[in-house]
Amino acid sequence: MPKDLIDKKIECPHCGHHIYLTLDSSAGDQDYYDECPACCHDIHINLHIDEYRQQLDLAVDSDDEQVF
């Protein structure tokens, strides 16, 4: 597996089902939605590449929280 591809296990914020994602860090920062195969709800996935600390920051949420 190329070093830009990282396998990550996440948990669906709706039902708790475990999902395996393959993250591609060569594509830069990413903000997208994926569907849970168990409950069919959308999962908001935000990937930020922190070049200063040389790490990936992954945020997973249901995207139904309201921010004021």
PDB file of N, CA and C in Angstrom:
ATOM      1  N   MET A   1       0.852  -1.179   0.000  1.00  0.00           N
ATOM      2  CA  MET A   1       0.000   0.000   0.000  1.00  0.00           C
ATOM      3  C   MET A   1       0.898   1.243   0.000  1.00  0.00           C
ATOM      4  N   PRO A   2       0.604   2.199  -0.882  1.00  0.00           N
ATOM      5  CA  PRO A   2       1.391   3.436  -0.900  1.00  0.00           C
ATOM      6  C   PRO A   2       1.287   4.180   0.424  1.00  0.00           C
ATOM      7  N   LYS A   3       2.320   4.954   0.727  1.00  0.00           N
ATOM      8  CA  LYS A   3       2.347   5.649   2.014  1.00  0.00           C
ATOM      9  C   LYS A   3       1.283   6.740   2.120  1.00  0.00           C
ATOM     10  N   ASP A   4       0.724   7.198   0.973  1.00  0.00           N
ATOM     11  CA  ASP A   4      -0.324   8.218   0.992  1.00  0.00           C
ATOM     12  C   ASP A   4      -1.683   7.642   1.361  1.00  0.00           C
ATOM     13  N   LEU A   5      -1.838   6.314   1.302  1.00  0.00           N
ATOM     14  CA  LEU A   5      -3.103   5.670   1.636  1.00  0.00           C
ATOM     15  C   LEU A   5      -3.047   5.123   3.055  1.00  0.00           C
ATOM     16  N   ILE A   6      -4.067   5.469   3.832  1.00  0.00           N
ATOM     17  CA  ILE A   6      -4.112   5.077   5.237  1.00  0.00           C
ATOM     18  C   ILE A   6      -5.468   4.434   5.505  1.00  0.00           C
ATOM     19  N   ASP A   7      -5.475   3.227   6.069  1.00  0.00           N
ATOM     20  CA  ASP A   7      -6.720   2.580   6.470  1.00  0.00           C
ATOM     21  C   ASP A   7      -7.088   3.036   7.873  1.00  0.00           C
ATOM     22  N   LYS A   8      -8.350   3.388   8.054  1.00  0.00           N
ATOM     23  CA  LYS A   8      -8.814   3.893   9.346  1.00  0.00           C
ATOM     24  C   LYS A   8     -10.183   3.302   9.647  1.00  0.00           C
ATOM     25  N   LYS A   9     -10.362   2.824  10.871  1.00  0.00           N
ATOM     26  CA  LYS A   9     -11.660   2.318  11.309  1.00  0.00           C
ATOM     27  C   LYS A   9     -12.382   3.436  12.039  1.00  0.00           C
ATOM     28  N   ILE A  10     -13.609   3.750  11.600  1.00  0.00           N
ATOM     29  CA  ILE A  10     -14.408   4.781  12.253  1.00  0.00           C
ATOM     30  C   ILE A  10     -15.710   4.148  12.733  1.00  0.00           C
ATOM     31  N   GLU A  11     -16.451   4.913  13.510  1.00  0.00           N
ATOM     32  CA  GLU A  11     -17.738   4.463  14.015  1.00  0.00           C
ATOM     33  C   GLU A  11     -18.817   5.417  13.507  1.00  0.00           C
ATOM     34  N   CYS A  12     -19.904   4.870  13.000  1.00  0.00           N
ATOM     35  CA  CYS A  12     -21.003   5.700  12.520  1.00  0.00           C
ATOM     36  C   CYS A  12     -21.566   6.493  13.702  1.00  0.00           C
ATOM     37  N   PRO A  13     -21.689   7.816  13.569  1.00  0.00           N
ATOM     38  CA  PRO A  13     -22.208   8.627  14.672  1.00  0.00           C
ATOM     39  C   PRO A  13     -23.713   8.428  14.904  1.00  0.00           C
ATOM     40  N   HIS A  14     -24.379   7.760  13.983  1.00  0.00           N
ATOM     41  CA  HIS A  14     -25.812   7.524  14.108  1.00  0.00           C
ATOM     42  C   HIS A  14     -26.113   6.206  14.813  1.00  0.00           C
ATOM     43  N   CYS A  15     -25.461   5.113  14.344  1.00  0.00           N
ATOM     44  CA  CYS A  15     -25.826   3.782  14.850  1.00  0.00           C
ATOM     45  C   CYS A  15     -24.673   3.038  15.521  1.00  0.00           C
ATOM     46  N   GLY A  16     -23.433   3.554  15.402  1.00  0.00           N
ATOM     47  CA  GLY A  16     -22.294   2.911  16.051  1.00  0.00           C
ATOM     48  C   GLY A  16     -21.642   1.810  15.226  1.00  0.00           C
ATOM     49  N   HIS A  17     -22.137   1.565  14.026  1.00  0.00           N
ATOM     50  CA  HIS A  17     -21.563   0.538  13.154  1.00  0.00           C
ATOM     51  C   HIS A  17     -20.119   0.905  12.803  1.00  0.00           C
ATOM     52  N   HIS A  18     -19.224  -0.076  12.804  1.00  0.00           N
ATOM     53  CA  HIS A  18     -17.824   0.164  12.464  1.00  0.00           C
ATOM     54  C   HIS A  18     -17.650   0.115  10.948  1.00  0.00           C
ATOM     55  N   ILE A  19     -16.955   1.134  10.427  1.00  0.00           N
ATOM     56  CA  ILE A  19     -16.736   1.281   8.994  1.00  0.00           C
ATOM     57  C   ILE A  19     -15.240   1.462   8.765  1.00  0.00           C
ATOM     58  N   TYR A  20     -14.731   0.824   7.738  1.00  0.00           N
ATOM     59  CA  TYR A  20     -13.324   0.985   7.379  1.00  0.00           C
ATOM     60  C   TYR A  20     -13.214   1.929   6.189  1.00  0.00           C
ATOM     61  N   LEU A  21     -12.406   2.966   6.346  1.00  0.00           N
ATOM     62  CA  LEU A  21     -12.155   3.941   5.287  1.00  0.00           C
ATOM     63  C   LEU A  21     -10.711   3.837   4.836  1.00  0.00           C
ATOM     64  N   THR A  22     -10.483   4.093   3.565  1.00  0.00           N
ATOM     65  CA  THR A  22      -9.124   4.261   3.057  1.00  0.00           C
ATOM     66  C   THR A  22      -8.971   5.733   2.728  1.00  0.00           C
ATOM     67  N   LEU A  23      -8.119   6.405   3.476  1.00  0.00           N
ATOM     68  CA  LEU A  23      -7.902   7.847   3.313  1.00  0.00           C
ATOM     69  C   LEU A  23      -6.698   8.072   2.408  1.00  0.00           C
ATOM     70  N   ASP A  24      -6.849   8.997   1.466  1.00  0.00           N
ATOM     71  CA  ASP A  24      -5.775   9.331   0.533  1.00  0.00           C
ATOM     72  C   ASP A  24      -5.248  10.714   0.876  1.00  0.00           C
ATOM     73  N   SER A  25      -4.115  10.766   1.538  1.00  0.00           N
ATOM     74  CA  SER A  25      -3.551  12.045   1.969  1.00  0.00           C
ATOM     75  C   SER A  25      -2.906  12.819   0.820  1.00  0.00           C
ATOM     76  N   SER A  26      -2.704  12.187  -0.325  1.00  0.00           N
ATOM     77  CA  SER A  26      -2.088  12.898  -1.451  1.00  0.00           C
ATOM     78  C   SER A  26      -3.059  13.878  -2.106  1.00  0.00           C
ATOM     79  N   ALA A  27      -4.347  13.765  -1.800  1.00  0.00           N
ATOM     80  CA  ALA A  27      -5.358  14.640  -2.402  1.00  0.00           C
ATOM     81  C   ALA A  27      -5.572  15.924  -1.597  1.00  0.00           C
ATOM     82  N   GLY A  28      -4.814  16.133  -0.534  1.00  0.00           N
ATOM     83  CA  GLY A  28      -4.950  17.345   0.284  1.00  0.00           C
ATOM     84  C   GLY A  28      -6.142  17.257   1.231  1.00  0.00           C
ATOM     85  N   ASP A  29      -6.539  18.406   1.769  1.00  0.00           N
ATOM     86  CA  ASP A  29      -7.677  18.453   2.684  1.00  0.00           C
ATOM     87  C   ASP A  29      -8.938  17.989   1.952  1.00  0.00           C
ATOM     88  N   GLN A  30      -9.791  17.267   2.680  1.00  0.00           N
ATOM     89  CA  GLN A  30     -11.006  16.733   2.087  1.00  0.00           C
ATOM     90  C   GLN A  30     -12.184  16.944   3.024  1.00  0.00           C
ATOM     91  N   ASP A  31     -13.330  17.225   2.439  1.00  0.00           N
ATOM     92  CA  ASP A  31     -14.569  17.409   3.191  1.00  0.00           C
ATOM     93  C   ASP A  31     -15.675  16.768   2.360  1.00  0.00           C
ATOM     94  N   TYR A  32     -16.194  15.628   2.831  1.00  0.00           N
ATOM     95  CA  TYR A  32     -17.181  14.916   2.030  1.00  0.00           C
ATOM     96  C   TYR A  32     -18.139  14.128   2.914  1.00  0.00           C
ATOM     97  N   TYR A  33     -19.146  13.550   2.280  1.00  0.00           N
ATOM     98  CA  TYR A  33     -20.129  12.719   2.970  1.00  0.00           C
ATOM     99  C   TYR A  33     -20.044  11.306   2.434  1.00  0.00           C
ATOM    100  N   ASP A  34     -20.224  10.357   3.329  1.00  0.00           N
ATOM    101  CA  ASP A  34     -20.297   8.950   2.964  1.00  0.00           C
ATOM    102  C   ASP A  34     -21.539   8.390   3.645  1.00  0.00           C
ATOM    103  N   GLU A  35     -22.059   7.324   3.117  1.00  0.00           N
ATOM    104  CA  GLU A  35     -23.274   6.735   3.683  1.00  0.00           C
ATOM    105  C   GLU A  35     -22.927   5.502   4.494  1.00  0.00           C
ATOM    106  N   CYS A  36     -23.525   5.388   5.665  1.00  0.00           N
ATOM    107  CA  CYS A  36     -23.323   4.208   6.508  1.00  0.00           C
ATOM    108  C   CYS A  36     -24.024   3.016   5.852  1.00  0.00           C
ATOM    109  N   PRO A  37     -23.327   1.895   5.664  1.00  0.00           N
ATOM    110  CA  PRO A  37     -23.964   0.739   5.035  1.00  0.00           C
ATOM    111  C   PRO A  37     -25.004   0.066   5.937  1.00  0.00           C
ATOM    112  N   ALA A  38     -24.972   0.340   7.230  1.00  0.00           N
ATOM    113  CA  ALA A  38     -25.912  -0.303   8.152  1.00  0.00           C
ATOM    114  C   ALA A  38     -27.211   0.491   8.299  1.00  0.00           C
ATOM    115  N   CYS A  39     -27.122   1.826   8.517  1.00  0.00           N
ATOM    116  CA  CYS A  39     -28.326   2.622   8.783  1.00  0.00           C
ATOM    117  C   CYS A  39     -28.681   3.582   7.645  1.00  0.00           C
ATOM    118  N   CYS A  40     -27.809   3.686   6.633  1.00  0.00           N
ATOM    119  CA  CYS A  40     -28.022   4.517   5.434  1.00  0.00           C
ATOM    120  C   CYS A  40     -28.065   6.022   5.723  1.00  0.00           C
ATOM    121  N   HIS A  41     -27.614   6.464   6.875  1.00  0.00           N
ATOM    122  CA  HIS A  41     -27.535   7.896   7.163  1.00  0.00           C
ATOM    123  C   HIS A  41     -26.202   8.442   6.646  1.00  0.00           C
ATOM    124  N   ASP A  42     -26.207   9.732   6.325  1.00  0.00           N
ATOM    125  CA  ASP A  42     -24.981  10.380   5.866  1.00  0.00           C
ATOM    126  C   ASP A  42     -24.025  10.618   7.023  1.00  0.00           C
ATOM    127  N   ILE A  43     -22.741  10.406   6.745  1.00  0.00           N
ATOM    128  CA  ILE A  43     -21.675  10.660   7.709  1.00  0.00           C
ATOM    129  C   ILE A  43     -20.786  11.745   7.121  1.00  0.00           C
ATOM    130  N   HIS A  44     -20.582  12.818   7.875  1.00  0.00           N
ATOM    131  CA  HIS A  44     -19.725  13.914   7.439  1.00  0.00           C
ATOM    132  C   HIS A  44     -18.286  13.582   7.819  1.00  0.00           C
ATOM    133  N   ILE A  45     -17.407  13.577   6.834  1.00  0.00           N
ATOM    134  CA  ILE A  45     -15.995  13.244   7.043  1.00  0.00           C
ATOM    135  C   ILE A  45     -15.156  14.438   6.614  1.00  0.00           C
ATOM    136  N   ASN A  46     -14.317  14.912   7.539  1.00  0.00           N
ATOM    137  CA  ASN A  46     -13.451  16.045   7.259  1.00  0.00           C
ATOM    138  C   ASN A  46     -12.021  15.631   7.571  1.00  0.00           C
ATOM    139  N   LEU A  47     -11.172  15.659   6.548  1.00  0.00           N
ATOM    140  CA  LEU A  47      -9.770  15.276   6.679  1.00  0.00           C
ATOM    141  C   LEU A  47      -8.912  16.509   6.458  1.00  0.00           C
ATOM    142  N   HIS A  48      -8.095  16.828   7.449  1.00  0.00           N
ATOM    143  CA  HIS A  48      -7.183  17.970   7.349  1.00  0.00           C
ATOM    144  C   HIS A  48      -5.760  17.453   7.497  1.00  0.00           C
ATOM    145  N   ILE A  49      -4.905  17.875   6.589  1.00  0.00           N
ATOM    146  CA  ILE A  49      -3.497  17.485   6.637  1.00  0.00           C
ATOM    147  C   ILE A  49      -2.725  18.588   7.329  1.00  0.00           C
ATOM    148  N   ASP A  50      -2.200  18.279   8.500  1.00  0.00           N
ATOM    149  CA  ASP A  50      -1.417  19.236   9.287  1.00  0.00           C
ATOM    150  C   ASP A  50       0.051  19.013   8.939  1.00  0.00           C
ATOM    151  N   GLU A  51       0.547  19.808   8.009  1.00  0.00           N
ATOM    152  CA  GLU A  51       1.928  19.636   7.551  1.00  0.00           C
ATOM    153  C   GLU A  51       2.944  20.041   8.607  1.00  0.00           C
ATOM    154  N   TYR A  52       2.573  20.980   9.477  1.00  0.00           N
ATOM    155  CA  TYR A  52       3.494  21.430  10.513  1.00  0.00           C
ATOM    156  C   TYR A  52       3.794  20.294  11.494  1.00  0.00           C
ATOM    157  N   ARG A  53       2.757  19.593  11.953  1.00  0.00           N
ATOM    158  CA  ARG A  53       2.926  18.477  12.892  1.00  0.00           C
ATOM    159  C   ARG A  53       3.067  17.136  12.185  1.00  0.00           C
ATOM    160  N   GLN A  54       2.967  17.153  10.842  1.00  0.00           N
ATOM    161  CA  GLN A  54       3.078  15.956  10.011  1.00  0.00           C
ATOM    162  C   GLN A  54       2.119  14.860  10.464  1.00  0.00           C
ATOM    163  N   GLN A  55       0.836  15.233  10.533  1.00  0.00           N
ATOM    164  CA  GLN A  55      -0.177  14.262  10.895  1.00  0.00           C
ATOM    165  C   GLN A  55      -1.491  14.601  10.211  1.00  0.00           C
ATOM    166  N   LEU A  56      -2.403  13.643  10.221  1.00  0.00           N
ATOM    167  CA  LEU A  56      -3.734  13.834   9.663  1.00  0.00           C
ATOM    168  C   LEU A  56      -4.717  14.057  10.802  1.00  0.00           C
ATOM    169  N   ASP A  57      -5.585  15.044  10.638  1.00  0.00           N
ATOM    170  CA  ASP A  57      -6.654  15.282  11.591  1.00  0.00           C
ATOM    171  C   ASP A  57      -7.953  14.850  10.925  1.00  0.00           C
ATOM    172  N   LEU A  58      -8.637  13.868  11.516  1.00  0.00           N
ATOM    173  CA  LEU A  58      -9.866  13.333  10.956  1.00  0.00           C
ATOM    174  C   LEU A  58     -11.013  13.645  11.894  1.00  0.00           C
ATOM    175  N   ALA A  59     -12.055  14.277  11.358  1.00  0.00           N
ATOM    176  CA  ALA A  59     -13.265  14.569  12.134  1.00  0.00           C
ATOM    177  C   ALA A  59     -14.435  13.849  11.464  1.00  0.00           C
ATOM    178  N   VAL A  60     -15.183  13.106  12.269  1.00  0.00           N
ATOM    179  CA  VAL A  60     -16.338  12.365  11.778  1.00  0.00           C
ATOM    180  C   VAL A  60     -17.532  12.772  12.617  1.00  0.00           C
ATOM    181  N   ASP A  61     -18.606  13.217  11.957  1.00  0.00           N
ATOM    182  CA  ASP A  61     -19.805  13.591  12.712  1.00  0.00           C
ATOM    183  C   ASP A  61     -21.054  13.343  11.878  1.00  0.00           C
ATOM    184  N   SER A  62     -22.189  13.504  12.526  1.00  0.00           N
ATOM    185  CA  SER A  62     -23.473  13.259  11.861  1.00  0.00           C
ATOM    186  C   SER A  62     -23.938  14.469  11.077  1.00  0.00           C
ATOM    187  N   ASP A  63     -23.314  15.606  11.282  1.00  0.00           N
ATOM    188  CA  ASP A  63     -23.617  16.860  10.597  1.00  0.00           C
ATOM    189  C   ASP A  63     -25.040  17.343  10.847  1.00  0.00           C
ATOM    190  N   ASP A  64     -25.635  16.899  11.954  1.00  0.00           N
ATOM    191  CA  ASP A  64     -26.956  17.409  12.290  1.00  0.00           C
ATOM    192  C   ASP A  64     -26.921  18.287  13.535  1.00  0.00           C
ATOM    193  N   GLU A  65     -25.704  18.568  14.023  1.00  0.00           N
ATOM    194  CA  GLU A  65     -25.558  19.478  15.143  1.00  0.00           C
ATOM    195  C   GLU A  65     -25.600  20.902  14.608  1.00  0.00           C
ATOM    196  N   GLN A  66     -26.259  21.779  15.340  1.00  0.00           N
ATOM    197  CA  GLN A  66     -26.331  23.177  14.928  1.00  0.00           C
ATOM    198  C   GLN A  66     -25.277  23.959  15.685  1.00  0.00           C
ATOM    199  N   VAL A  67     -24.559  24.807  14.945  1.00  0.00           N
ATOM    200  CA  VAL A  67     -23.526  25.643  15.544  1.00  0.00           C
ATOM    201  C   VAL A  67     -23.996  27.088  15.485  1.00  0.00           C
ATOM    202  N   PHE A  68     -23.939  27.774  16.628  1.00  0.00           N
ATOM    203  CA  PHE A  68     -24.371  29.162  16.687  1.00  0.00           C
ATOM    204  C   PHE A  68     -23.187  30.061  16.947  1.00  0.00           C
TER     205      PHE A  68
END
